[in-house]
PDB file of N, CA and C in Angstrom:
ATOM      1  N   MET A   1      -7.380   1.448   9.016  1.00  0.00           N
ATOM      2  CA  MET A   1      -6.281   0.537   9.220  1.00  0.00           C
ATOM      3  C   MET A   1      -5.751   0.694  10.637  1.00  0.00           C
ATOM      4  N   VAL A   2      -5.489   1.932  11.061  1.00  0.00           N
ATOM      5  CA  VAL A   2      -4.977   2.136  12.410  1.00  0.00           C
ATOM      6  C   VAL A   2      -5.934   1.680  13.456  1.00  0.00           C
ATOM      7  N   GLN A   3      -7.234   1.922  13.233  1.00  0.00           N
ATOM      8  CA  GLN A   3      -8.232   1.500  14.169  1.00  0.00           C
ATOM      9  C   GLN A   3      -8.285  -0.019  14.330  1.00  0.00           C
ATOM     10  N   SER A   4      -8.139  -0.739  13.222  1.00  0.00           N
ATOM     11  CA  SER A   4      -8.182  -2.191  13.303  1.00  0.00           C
ATOM     12  C   SER A   4      -6.917  -2.742  14.005  1.00  0.00           C
ATOM     13  N   ILE A   5      -5.790  -2.059  13.811  1.00  0.00           N
ATOM     14  CA  ILE A   5      -4.583  -2.448  14.497  1.00  0.00           C
ATOM     15  C   ILE A   5      -4.725  -2.229  16.004  1.00  0.00           C
ATOM     16  N   GLN A   6      -5.324  -1.099  16.342  1.00  0.00           N
ATOM     17  CA  GLN A   6      -5.543  -0.797  17.771  1.00  0.00           C
ATOM     18  C   GLN A   6      -6.455  -1.828  18.428  1.00  0.00           C
ATOM     19  N   THR A   7      -7.465  -2.272  17.705  1.00  0.00           N
ATOM     20  CA  THR A   7      -8.391  -3.254  18.282  1.00  0.00           C
ATOM     21  C   THR A   7      -7.736  -4.598  18.439  1.00  0.00           C
ATOM     22  N   LEU A   8      -6.701  -4.884  17.666  1.00  0.00           N
ATOM     23  CA  LEU A   8      -5.991  -6.161  17.835  1.00  0.00           C
ATOM     24  C   LEU A   8      -5.432  -6.345  19.231  1.00  0.00           C
ATOM     25  N   PHE A   9      -5.014  -5.239  19.830  1.00  0.00           N
ATOM     26  CA  PHE A   9      -4.340  -5.319  21.097  1.00  0.00           C
ATOM     27  C   PHE A   9      -5.240  -5.155  22.303  1.00  0.00           C
ATOM     28  N   ILE A  10      -6.529  -5.015  22.046  1.00  0.00           N
ATOM     29  CA  ILE A  10      -7.492  -4.912  23.161  1.00  0.00           C
ATOM     30  C   ILE A  10      -7.805  -6.315  23.665  1.00  0.00           C
ATOM     31  N   THR A  11      -7.355  -6.608  24.840  1.00  0.00           N
ATOM     32  CA  THR A  11      -7.699  -7.900  25.468  1.00  0.00           C
ATOM     33  C   THR A  11      -8.189  -7.637  26.869  1.00  0.00           C
ATOM     34  N   SER A  12      -9.389  -8.115  27.135  1.00  0.00           N
ATOM     35  CA  SER A  12     -10.000  -7.877  28.437  1.00  0.00           C
ATOM     36  C   SER A  12     -10.801  -9.086  28.800  1.00  0.00           C
ATOM     37  N   LYS A  13     -10.945  -9.361  30.099  1.00  0.00           N
ATOM     38  CA  LYS A  13     -11.733 -10.472  30.556  1.00  0.00           C
ATOM     39  C   LYS A  13     -13.244 -10.275  30.297  1.00  0.00           C
ATOM     40  N   GLU A  14     -13.653  -9.026  30.271  1.00  0.00           N
ATOM     41  CA  GLU A  14     -15.066  -8.726  30.109  1.00  0.00           C
ATOM     42  C   GLU A  14     -15.528  -8.828  28.630  1.00  0.00           C
ATOM     43  N   THR A  15     -14.631  -8.567  27.713  1.00  0.00           N
ATOM     44  CA  THR A  15     -15.026  -8.529  26.301  1.00  0.00           C
ATOM     45  C   THR A  15     -14.865  -9.922  25.682  1.00  0.00           C
ATOM     46  N   PRO A  16     -15.751 -10.271  24.758  1.00  0.00           N
ATOM     47  CA  PRO A  16     -15.614 -11.528  24.047  1.00  0.00           C
ATOM     48  C   PRO A  16     -14.429 -11.434  23.086  1.00  0.00           C
ATOM     49  N   PRO A  17     -13.944 -12.567  22.581  1.00  0.00           N
ATOM     50  CA  PRO A  17     -12.839 -12.517  21.611  1.00  0.00           C
ATOM     51  C   PRO A  17     -13.243 -11.742  20.357  1.00  0.00           C
ATOM     52  N   LEU A  18     -12.319 -10.978  19.843  1.00  0.00           N
ATOM     53  CA  LEU A  18     -12.604 -10.169  18.636  1.00  0.00           C
ATOM     54  C   LEU A  18     -12.502 -11.004  17.397  1.00  0.00           C
ATOM     55  N   ILE A  19     -13.417 -10.750  16.455  1.00  0.00           N
ATOM     56  CA  ILE A  19     -13.384 -11.418  15.161  1.00  0.00           C
ATOM     57  C   ILE A  19     -13.002 -10.386  14.108  1.00  0.00           C
ATOM     58  N   PHE A  20     -11.992 -10.704  13.314  1.00  0.00           N
ATOM     59  CA  PHE A  20     -11.505  -9.719  12.365  1.00  0.00           C
ATOM     60  C   PHE A  20     -11.865 -10.133  10.943  1.00  0.00           C
ATOM     61  N   ASN A  21     -12.055  -9.134  10.127  1.00  0.00           N
ATOM     62  CA  ASN A  21     -12.365  -9.322   8.721  1.00  0.00           C
ATOM     63  C   ASN A  21     -11.047  -9.542   8.000  1.00  0.00           C
ATOM     64  N   THR A  22     -10.739 -10.801   7.695  1.00  0.00           N
ATOM     65  CA  THR A  22      -9.447 -11.112   7.101  1.00  0.00           C
ATOM     66  C   THR A  22      -9.356 -10.623   5.649  1.00  0.00           C
ATOM     67  N   SER A  23     -10.481 -10.463   4.959  1.00  0.00           N
ATOM     68  CA  SER A  23     -10.423 -10.014   3.573  1.00  0.00           C
ATOM     69  C   SER A  23      -9.867  -8.575   3.529  1.00  0.00           C
ATOM     70  N   LYS A  24     -10.219  -7.709   4.479  1.00  0.00           N
ATOM     71  CA  LYS A  24      -9.666  -6.350   4.514  1.00  0.00           C
ATOM     72  C   LYS A  24      -8.188  -6.395   4.729  1.00  0.00           C
ATOM     73  N   ILE A  25      -7.722  -7.273   5.613  1.00  0.00           N
ATOM     74  CA  ILE A  25      -6.287  -7.390   5.876  1.00  0.00           C
ATOM     75  C   ILE A  25      -5.564  -7.863   4.631  1.00  0.00           C
ATOM     76  N   GLU A  26      -6.144  -8.821   3.904  1.00  0.00           N
ATOM     77  CA  GLU A  26      -5.542  -9.315   2.636  1.00  0.00           C
ATOM     78  C   GLU A  26      -5.509  -8.235   1.587  1.00  0.00           C
ATOM     79  N   LYS A  27      -6.571  -7.422   1.512  1.00  0.00           N
ATOM     80  CA  LYS A  27      -6.616  -6.330   0.514  1.00  0.00           C
ATOM     81  C   LYS A  27      -5.529  -5.337   0.793  1.00  0.00           C
ATOM     82  N   SER A  28      -5.312  -4.996   2.082  1.00  0.00           N
ATOM     83  CA  SER A  28      -4.270  -4.030   2.418  1.00  0.00           C
ATOM     84  C   SER A  28      -2.901  -4.603   2.086  1.00  0.00           C
ATOM     85  N   LYS A  29      -2.709  -5.904   2.334  1.00  0.00           N
ATOM     86  CA  LYS A  29      -1.423  -6.532   2.043  1.00  0.00           C
ATOM     87  C   LYS A  29      -1.182  -6.496   0.502  1.00  0.00           C
ATOM     88  N   ASN A  30      -2.256  -6.741  -0.261  1.00  0.00           N
ATOM     89  CA  ASN A  30      -2.137  -6.676  -1.742  1.00  0.00           C
ATOM     90  C   ASN A  30      -1.798  -5.282  -2.195  1.00  0.00           C
ATOM     91  N   LEU A  31      -2.381  -4.260  -1.585  1.00  0.00           N
ATOM     92  CA  LEU A  31      -2.072  -2.894  -1.962  1.00  0.00           C
ATOM     93  C   LEU A  31      -0.647  -2.524  -1.671  1.00  0.00           C
ATOM     94  N   VAL A  32      -0.135  -3.011  -0.550  1.00  0.00           N
ATOM     95  CA  VAL A  32       1.277  -2.789  -0.179  1.00  0.00           C
ATOM     96  C   VAL A  32       2.180  -3.445  -1.212  1.00  0.00           C
ATOM     97  N   GLU A  33       1.829  -4.686  -1.623  1.00  0.00           N
ATOM     98  CA  GLU A  33       2.657  -5.360  -2.650  1.00  0.00           C
ATOM     99  C   GLU A  33       2.609  -4.629  -3.987  1.00  0.00           C
ATOM    100  N   GLN A  34       1.445  -4.156  -4.394  1.00  0.00           N
ATOM    101  CA  GLN A  34       1.354  -3.397  -5.632  1.00  0.00           C
ATOM    102  C   GLN A  34       2.178  -2.149  -5.579  1.00  0.00           C
ATOM    103  N   ASN A  35       2.174  -1.457  -4.454  1.00  0.00           N
ATOM    104  CA  ASN A  35       2.974  -0.257  -4.289  1.00  0.00           C
ATOM    105  C   ASN A  35       4.441  -0.556  -4.371  1.00  0.00           C
ATOM    106  N   ARG A  36       4.846  -1.666  -3.795  1.00  0.00           N
ATOM    107  CA  ARG A  36       6.236  -2.079  -3.818  1.00  0.00           C
ATOM    108  C   ARG A  36       6.674  -2.277  -5.251  1.00  0.00           C
ATOM    109  N   HIS A  37       5.874  -2.918  -6.062  1.00  0.00           N
ATOM    110  CA  HIS A  37       6.186  -3.107  -7.481  1.00  0.00           C
ATOM    111  C   HIS A  37       6.294  -1.768  -8.223  1.00  0.00           C
ATOM    112  N   LEU A  38       5.396  -0.853  -7.896  1.00  0.00           N
ATOM    113  CA  LEU A  38       5.453   0.471  -8.542  1.00  0.00           C
ATOM    114  C   LEU A  38       6.738   1.207  -8.169  1.00  0.00           C
ATOM    115  N   GLN A  39       7.140   1.074  -6.912  1.00  0.00           N
ATOM    116  CA  GLN A  39       8.378   1.769  -6.490  1.00  0.00           C
ATOM    117  C   GLN A  39       9.589   1.154  -7.216  1.00  0.00           C
ATOM    118  N   GLN A  40       9.574  -0.146  -7.487  1.00  0.00           N
ATOM    119  CA  GLN A  40      10.659  -0.744  -8.187  1.00  0.00           C
ATOM    120  C   GLN A  40      10.690  -0.292  -9.653  1.00  0.00           C
ATOM    121  N   LEU A  41       9.546   0.014 -10.216  1.00  0.00           N
ATOM    122  CA  LEU A  41       9.491   0.468 -11.614  1.00  0.00           C
ATOM    123  C   LEU A  41       9.839   1.922 -11.787  1.00  0.00           C
ATOM    124  N   LYS A  42       9.819   2.691 -10.726  1.00  0.00           N
ATOM    125  CA  LYS A  42       9.997   4.125 -10.825  1.00  0.00           C
ATOM    126  C   LYS A  42      11.291   4.542 -11.533  1.00  0.00           C
ATOM    127  N   PRO A  43      12.480   3.940 -11.207  1.00  0.00           N
ATOM    128  CA  PRO A  43      13.697   4.359 -11.925  1.00  0.00           C
ATOM    129  C   PRO A  43      13.620   4.080 -13.453  1.00  0.00           C
ATOM    130  N   LEU A  44      13.043   2.962 -13.805  1.00  0.00           N
ATOM    131  CA  LEU A  44      12.867   2.628 -15.233  1.00  0.00           C
ATOM    132  C   LEU A  44      11.968   3.675 -15.903  1.00  0.00           C
ATOM    133  N   LEU A  45      10.889   4.010 -15.252  1.00  0.00           N
ATOM    134  CA  LEU A  45       9.964   5.002 -15.806  1.00  0.00           C
ATOM    135  C   LEU A  45      10.601   6.361 -15.912  1.00  0.00           C
ATOM    136  N   LYS A  46      11.432   6.708 -14.944  1.00  0.00           N
ATOM    137  CA  LYS A  46      12.123   7.999 -15.028  1.00  0.00           C
ATOM    138  C   LYS A  46      13.053   8.029 -16.213  1.00  0.00           C
ATOM    139  N   TYR A  47      13.755   6.886 -16.444  1.00  0.00           N
ATOM    140  CA  TYR A  47      14.656   6.815 -17.586  1.00  0.00           C
ATOM    141  C   TYR A  47      13.859   6.918 -18.892  1.00  0.00           C
ATOM    142  N   ILE A  48      12.733   6.229 -18.960  1.00  0.00           N
ATOM    143  CA  ILE A  48      11.902   6.301 -20.187  1.00  0.00           C
ATOM    144  C   ILE A  48      11.397   7.724 -20.450  1.00  0.00           C
ATOM    145  N   THR A  49      10.920   8.363 -19.378  1.00  0.00           N
ATOM    146  CA  THR A  49      10.415   9.725 -19.565  1.00  0.00           C
ATOM    147  C   THR A  49      11.520  10.712 -19.881  1.00  0.00           C
ATOM    148  N   LYS A  50      12.708  10.452 -19.344  1.00  0.00           N
ATOM    149  CA  LYS A  50      13.862  11.355 -19.619  1.00  0.00           C
ATOM    150  C   LYS A  50      14.194  11.268 -21.101  1.00  0.00           C
ATOM    151  N   THR A  51      14.101  10.068 -21.688  1.00  0.00           N
ATOM    152  CA  THR A  51      14.430   9.922 -23.109  1.00  0.00           C
ATOM    153  C   THR A  51      13.322  10.523 -23.978  1.00  0.00           C
ATOM    154  N   LEU A  52      12.122  10.638 -23.446  1.00  0.00           N
ATOM    155  CA  LEU A  52      11.014  11.179 -24.261  1.00  0.00           C
ATOM    156  C   LEU A  52      11.103  12.694 -24.363  1.00  0.00           C
ATOM    157  N   GLY A  53      11.660  13.350 -23.360  1.00  0.00           N
ATOM    158  CA  GLY A  53      11.774  14.799 -23.427  1.00  0.00           C
ATOM    159  C   GLY A  53      11.561  15.467 -22.094  1.00  0.00           C
ATOM    160  N   THR A  54      11.768  16.776 -22.082  1.00  0.00           N
ATOM    161  CA  THR A  54      11.743  17.509 -20.835  1.00  0.00           C
ATOM    162  C   THR A  54      10.308  17.747 -20.306  1.00  0.00           C
ATOM    163  N   LYS A  55       9.320  17.650 -21.137  1.00  0.00           N
ATOM    164  CA  LYS A  55       7.952  17.949 -20.656  1.00  0.00           C
ATOM    165  C   LYS A  55       7.432  16.877 -19.702  1.00  0.00           C
ATOM    166  N   TYR A  56       8.068  15.727 -19.675  1.00  0.00           N
ATOM    167  CA  TYR A  56       7.612  14.649 -18.786  1.00  0.00           C
ATOM    168  C   TYR A  56       8.374  14.574 -17.478  1.00  0.00           C
ATOM    169  N   ARG A  57       9.310  15.447 -17.258  1.00  0.00           N
ATOM    170  CA  ARG A  57      10.173  15.320 -16.073  1.00  0.00           C
ATOM    171  C   ARG A  57       9.454  15.637 -14.763  1.00  0.00           C
ATOM    172  N   LYS A  58       8.472  16.477 -14.777  1.00  0.00           N
ATOM    173  CA  LYS A  58       7.745  16.835 -13.533  1.00  0.00           C
ATOM    174  C   LYS A  58       6.478  16.020 -13.445  1.00  0.00           C
ATOM    175  N   THR A  59       6.609  14.732 -13.253  1.00  0.00           N
ATOM    176  CA  THR A  59       5.454  13.837 -13.185  1.00  0.00           C
ATOM    177  C   THR A  59       5.459  13.105 -11.863  1.00  0.00           C
ATOM    178  N   THR A  60       4.267  12.669 -11.461  1.00  0.00           N
ATOM    179  CA  THR A  60       4.124  11.946 -10.214  1.00  0.00           C
ATOM    180  C   THR A  60       4.224  10.432 -10.467  1.00  0.00           C
ATOM    181  N   THR A  61       4.248   9.663  -9.405  1.00  0.00           N
ATOM    182  CA  THR A  61       4.297   8.199  -9.541  1.00  0.00           C
ATOM    183  C   THR A  61       3.068   7.689 -10.261  1.00  0.00           C
ATOM    184  N   LYS A  62       1.918   8.268  -9.992  1.00  0.00           N
ATOM    185  CA  LYS A  62       0.668   7.850 -10.660  1.00  0.00           C
ATOM    186  C   LYS A  62       0.766   8.094 -12.163  1.00  0.00           C
ATOM    187  N   GLN A  63       1.332   9.252 -12.512  1.00  0.00           N
ATOM    188  CA  GLN A  63       1.490   9.567 -13.947  1.00  0.00           C
ATOM    189  C   GLN A  63       2.503   8.633 -14.597  1.00  0.00           C
ATOM    190  N   TYR A  64       3.555   8.294 -13.854  1.00  0.00           N
ATOM    191  CA  TYR A  64       4.530   7.352 -14.379  1.00  0.00           C
ATOM    192  C   TYR A  64       3.847   6.028 -14.643  1.00  0.00           C
ATOM    193  N   THR A  65       3.031   5.572 -13.712  1.00  0.00           N
ATOM    194  CA  THR A  65       2.349   4.325 -13.855  1.00  0.00           C
ATOM    195  C   THR A  65       1.413   4.345 -15.062  1.00  0.00           C
ATOM    196  N   LEU A  66       0.664   5.410 -15.253  1.00  0.00           N
ATOM    197  CA  LEU A  66      -0.224   5.515 -16.387  1.00  0.00           C
ATOM    198  C   LEU A  66       0.542   5.515 -17.685  1.00  0.00           C
ATOM    199  N   LEU A  67       1.699   6.193 -17.695  1.00  0.00           N
ATOM    200  CA  LEU A  67       2.556   6.234 -18.857  1.00  0.00           C
ATOM    201  C   LEU A  67       3.076   4.834 -19.222  1.00  0.00           C
ATOM    202  N   LEU A  68       3.509   4.105 -18.191  1.00  0.00           N
ATOM    203  CA  LEU A  68       3.995   2.748 -18.415  1.00  0.00           C
ATOM    204  C   LEU A  68       2.860   1.869 -18.946  1.00  0.00           C
ATOM    205  N   LEU A  69       1.670   1.983 -18.412  1.00  0.00           N
ATOM    206  CA  LEU A  69       0.537   1.181 -18.883  1.00  0.00           C
ATOM    207  C   LEU A  69       0.222   1.509 -20.336  1.00  0.00           C
ATOM    208  N   LEU A  70       0.282   2.781 -20.675  1.00  0.00           N
ATOM    209  CA  LEU A  70       0.040   3.166 -22.087  1.00  0.00           C
ATOM    210  C   LEU A  70       1.101   2.602 -23.006  1.00  0.00           C
ATOM    211  N   MET A  71       2.347   2.589 -22.565  1.00  0.00           N
ATOM    212  CA  MET A  71       3.427   2.000 -23.370  1.00  0.00           C
ATOM    213  C   MET A  71       3.242   0.508 -23.554  1.00  0.00           C
ATOM    214  N   ILE A  72       2.854  -0.159 -22.466  1.00  0.00           N
ATOM    215  CA  ILE A  72       2.628  -1.614 -22.537  1.00  0.00           C
ATOM    216  C   ILE A  72       1.480  -1.918 -23.493  1.00  0.00           C
ATOM    217  N   LYS A  73       0.387  -1.184 -23.383  1.00  0.00           N
ATOM    218  CA  LYS A  73      -0.735  -1.359 -24.315  1.00  0.00           C
ATOM    219  C   LYS A  73      -0.331  -1.151 -25.747  1.00  0.00           C
ATOM    220  N   HIS A  74       0.511  -0.149 -25.982  1.00  0.00           N
ATOM    221  CA  HIS A  74       0.992   0.174 -27.333  1.00  0.00           C
ATOM    222  C   HIS A  74       1.833  -0.975 -27.883  1.00  0.00           C
ATOM    223  N   LEU A  75       2.624  -1.621 -27.016  1.00  0.00           N
ATOM    224  CA  LEU A  75       3.499  -2.695 -27.462  1.00  0.00           C
ATOM    225  C   LEU A  75       2.746  -4.000 -27.732  1.00  0.00           C
ATOM    226  N   GLU A  76       1.556  -4.168 -27.152  1.00  0.00           N
ATOM    227  CA  GLU A  76       0.842  -5.437 -27.280  1.00  0.00           C
ATOM    228  C   GLU A  76       0.301  -5.645 -28.675  1.00  0.00           C
TER     229      GLU A  76
END
């Protein structure tokens, strides 16, 4: 990602115009959006795990996400 950003700013008379892979840029934008949604869900997941008991208090965001997905699957 950093390398592609650095190449964006390379402009020289000797080099031809750079062609960028827009699908990679779109994928990274999508990942950022997904992360943003996960961060918004974090307080809700903390509340849910707090009500479940003390054994879930030391969990990571990934574990919170997996727990939420399991709960959603269970409710379906």
